[in-house]
Amino acid sequence: IVFQKEFYTNDDLIISRGLDDRVGVYILTKILDYFKEKKPYNNIILAFTVEEEIGLRGASVLANNFNPDFVIAIDSMSSTDIYNTPSIYKNSINLGFGPVIRKVDARMIVNEDVFDFVKNIANKSKIPYQIGVSGGSTDASIIEISNKGYKSVPLCVPIRYTHSTVEICSIKDIENLISLSIEIIQNKLELL
């Protein structure tokens, strides 16, 4: 059975299936567009990896073939602003409140210096953000422990009803994640 769903958008939201990966691809293409016009301070590699949901295989291959100084894993994170969510979880990750700096997940705790570096850039740039803790994982977790280990941070777009046929995300959160990624890339990484 396949559920036919249409793509819908207004000034604030995007509603569709498959947003989890599609939003990440969109964000990377917008970062690419930005750096076509303006040379980045640092050399960058943008990678579209495969099989993140079934073992982080693409990220593992990537980490074993490059020596990055710093890795941003663009992904999504389930929002908790859902009707009938138990109060212990309610309002921890919301649509429209900024991208998520994922501090802890099932496979990774972000290095404190990396976490502070990203938060400071967001604060300095006046980019709203949320701090996330999750039971899932991202490509950053396998990259962080590959070879000699790489400084990594997952930056996520909050998505309501993740992995359903009606995923919902905020256009503002996407735009802010693009801005935050660009600001990080433009910063001197020696500060880490």
Protein backbone atom coordinates (compact mmCIF):
# COMPACT_ATOMS: atom_id res chain seq x y z
CA ILE A 1 0.00 0.00 0.00
CA VAL A 2 1.32 3.44 -0.94
CA PHE A 3 -0.27 6.57 0.49
CA GLN A 4 -0.47 9.31 -2.13
CA LYS A 5 0.36 12.66 -0.54
CA GLU A 6 0.81 16.04 -2.13
CA PHE A 7 3.58 18.52 -1.36
CA TYR A 8 2.17 21.59 0.41
CA THR A 9 3.79 24.83 1.50
CA ASN A 10 2.77 28.25 2.75
CA ASP A 11 4.80 31.16 4.14
CA ASP A 12 5.70 29.24 7.30
CA LEU A 13 5.59 25.48 6.76
CA ILE A 14 6.38 22.67 4.36
CA ILE A 15 4.26 19.51 4.54
CA SER A 16 5.26 16.40 2.61
CA ARG A 17 6.62 12.91 3.00
CA GLY A 18 10.35 12.26 2.87
CA LEU A 19 11.35 15.64 4.31
CA ASP A 20 13.97 14.04 6.56
CA ASP A 21 16.47 13.64 3.72
CA ARG A 22 15.06 16.08 1.17
CA VAL A 23 15.48 19.04 3.51
CA GLY A 24 19.11 18.05 4.09
CA VAL A 25 19.77 17.92 0.35
CA TYR A 26 18.12 21.33 -0.06
CA ILE A 27 20.27 22.82 2.72
CA LEU A 28 23.50 21.50 1.18
CA THR A 29 22.57 22.87 -2.26
CA LYS A 30 21.86 26.31 -0.75
CA ILE A 31 25.26 26.24 1.00
CA LEU A 32 26.84 25.33 -2.34
CA ASP A 33 25.01 28.23 -4.03
CA TYR A 34 26.30 30.64 -1.38
CA PHE A 35 29.91 29.56 -1.80
CA LYS A 36 29.75 29.74 -5.60
CA GLU A 37 29.61 33.51 -5.10
CA LYS A 38 31.84 33.90 -2.05
CA LYS A 39 35.04 31.97 -1.37
CA PRO A 40 34.85 30.13 1.96
CA TYR A 41 37.43 30.83 4.66
CA ASN A 42 38.01 27.08 4.93
CA ASN A 43 38.10 24.35 2.30
CA ILE A 44 34.80 22.51 2.31
CA ILE A 45 33.55 19.12 1.19
CA LEU A 46 29.80 18.70 0.89
CA ALA A 47 28.72 15.07 0.86
CA PHE A 48 25.38 13.43 0.30
CA THR A 49 25.68 10.12 2.15
CA VAL A 50 23.60 6.96 1.92
CA GLU A 51 22.24 4.43 4.40
CA GLU A 52 22.25 6.70 7.45
CA GLU A 53 19.08 5.04 8.71
CA ILE A 54 20.52 1.52 8.40
CA GLY A 55 23.99 1.70 9.87
CA LEU A 56 25.65 4.99 8.89
CA ARG A 57 27.47 3.24 6.06
CA GLY A 58 27.91 6.20 3.72
CA ALA A 59 29.36 8.40 6.44
CA SER A 60 31.77 5.66 7.44
CA VAL A 61 33.18 5.47 3.91
CA LEU A 62 33.41 9.26 3.78
CA ALA A 63 35.28 9.51 7.09
CA ASN A 64 37.76 6.84 6.03
CA ASN A 65 38.63 8.64 2.78
CA PHE A 66 39.05 12.23 3.99
CA ASN A 67 40.70 13.93 6.95
CA PRO A 68 38.27 16.69 7.88
CA ASP A 69 39.12 19.23 10.57
CA PHE A 70 35.46 19.65 11.41
CA VAL A 71 32.24 17.93 10.37
CA ILE A 72 28.69 19.25 10.33
CA ALA A 73 26.13 16.49 9.85
CA ILE A 74 22.92 18.02 8.49
CA ASP A 75 19.91 15.95 9.53
CA SER A 76 16.49 16.25 11.09
CA MET A 77 15.19 15.71 14.59
CA SER A 78 11.67 14.92 15.69
CA SER A 79 9.86 17.88 17.17
CA THR A 80 7.89 17.34 20.35
CA ASP A 81 5.26 20.03 19.83
CA ILE A 82 2.66 17.38 19.05
CA TYR A 83 -0.84 17.16 20.49
CA ASN A 84 -1.02 14.73 23.43
CA THR A 85 2.76 14.52 23.87
CA PRO A 86 3.52 13.70 27.53
CA SER A 87 4.38 16.87 29.42
CA ILE A 88 7.91 15.65 30.18
CA TYR A 89 8.69 16.00 26.43
CA LYS A 90 6.39 18.85 25.47
CA ASN A 91 8.06 22.02 24.18
CA SER A 92 11.60 20.66 24.21
CA ILE A 93 11.97 20.80 20.39
CA ASN A 94 9.51 23.02 18.51
CA LEU A 95 8.94 24.06 14.92
CA GLY A 96 9.88 27.67 14.24
CA PHE A 97 12.28 28.06 17.18
CA GLY A 98 15.46 27.51 15.19
CA PRO A 99 17.62 24.57 14.15
CA VAL A 100 18.71 22.01 16.72
CA ILE A 101 22.28 21.64 17.90
CA ARG A 102 22.09 17.97 18.84
CA LYS A 103 24.17 17.62 22.00
CA VAL A 104 23.47 13.98 22.84
CA ASP A 105 22.03 11.01 20.99
CA ALA A 106 22.16 7.23 21.23
CA ARG A 107 25.70 7.01 19.79
CA MET A 108 27.37 10.33 20.55
CA ILE A 109 27.91 13.14 23.02
CA VAL A 110 29.21 16.21 21.21
CA ASN A 111 32.61 17.39 22.44
CA GLU A 112 32.10 20.35 24.81
CA ASP A 113 34.50 22.64 22.89
CA VAL A 114 32.71 21.87 19.61
CA PHE A 115 29.32 22.43 21.23
CA ASP A 116 30.40 25.78 22.71
CA PHE A 117 32.00 26.82 19.40
CA VAL A 118 28.74 26.26 17.51
CA LYS A 119 26.59 27.91 20.22
CA ASN A 120 28.88 30.95 20.32
CA ILE A 121 28.67 31.37 16.54
CA ALA A 122 24.87 31.11 16.68
CA ASN A 123 24.69 33.65 19.52
CA LYS A 124 27.13 36.05 17.84
CA SER A 125 25.17 35.80 14.58
CA LYS A 126 21.81 36.12 16.38
CA ILE A 127 20.62 32.82 14.90
CA PRO A 128 18.01 31.14 17.11
CA TYR A 129 18.71 27.53 18.04
CA GLN A 130 17.49 24.72 20.24
CA ILE A 131 19.53 22.12 22.08
CA GLY A 132 18.55 18.54 21.38
CA VAL A 133 18.85 15.18 23.06
CA SER A 134 17.67 12.18 21.08
CA GLY A 135 17.50 8.42 21.08
CA GLY A 136 18.38 8.22 17.39
CA SER A 137 21.67 9.05 15.75
CA THR A 138 23.25 10.88 12.81
CA ASP A 139 26.24 10.52 10.49
CA ALA A 140 28.25 12.64 12.95
CA SER A 141 28.43 9.75 15.41
CA ILE A 142 30.35 7.42 13.09
CA ILE A 143 32.55 10.22 11.74
CA GLU A 144 33.49 11.27 15.26
CA ILE A 145 35.04 7.85 15.97
CA SER A 146 36.53 7.08 12.53
CA ASN A 147 40.31 6.97 12.05
CA LYS A 148 41.83 9.37 14.57
CA GLY A 149 38.44 10.88 15.42
CA TYR A 150 37.02 14.08 14.00
CA LYS A 151 35.33 17.05 15.63
CA SER A 152 31.69 16.64 14.66
CA VAL A 153 28.33 18.21 15.38
CA PRO A 154 24.86 17.27 14.17
CA LEU A 155 22.76 20.28 13.16
CA CYS A 156 19.14 19.36 12.65
CA VAL A 157 15.89 20.76 11.30
CA PRO A 158 12.98 19.99 13.64
CA ILE A 159 10.36 17.90 11.85
CA ARG A 160 6.94 17.02 13.20
CA TYR A 161 5.71 13.47 12.44
CA THR A 162 9.15 12.31 11.25
CA HIS A 163 9.16 9.35 8.85
CA SER A 164 5.42 9.64 8.19
CA THR A 165 3.56 10.62 5.03
CA VAL A 166 2.83 14.07 6.48
CA GLU A 167 6.13 15.39 7.83
CA ILE A 168 5.98 19.09 8.71
CA CYS A 169 8.88 21.52 9.05
CA SER A 170 9.37 25.26 9.37
CA ILE A 171 10.83 27.25 6.49
CA LYS A 172 12.39 29.60 9.07
CA ASP A 173 14.22 26.69 10.73
CA ILE A 174 15.62 25.62 7.36
CA GLU A 175 16.80 29.16 6.57
CA ASN A 176 18.40 29.50 10.00
CA LEU A 177 20.20 26.16 9.63
CA ILE A 178 21.61 27.31 6.28
CA SER A 179 22.79 30.56 7.90
CA LEU A 180 24.33 28.78 10.88
CA SER A 181 26.18 26.31 8.64
CA ILE A 182 27.57 29.14 6.52
CA GLU A 183 28.70 31.06 9.62
CA ILE A 184 30.47 27.96 10.98
CA ILE A 185 32.22 27.35 7.65
CA GLN A 186 33.35 30.98 7.54
CA ASN A 187 34.90 30.86 11.02
CA LYS A 188 38.49 30.09 11.91
CA LEU A 189 38.52 26.50 13.06
CA GLU A 190 41.77 26.99 14.98
CA LEU A 191 39.58 28.23 17.81
CA LEU A 192 38.62 24.62 18.51
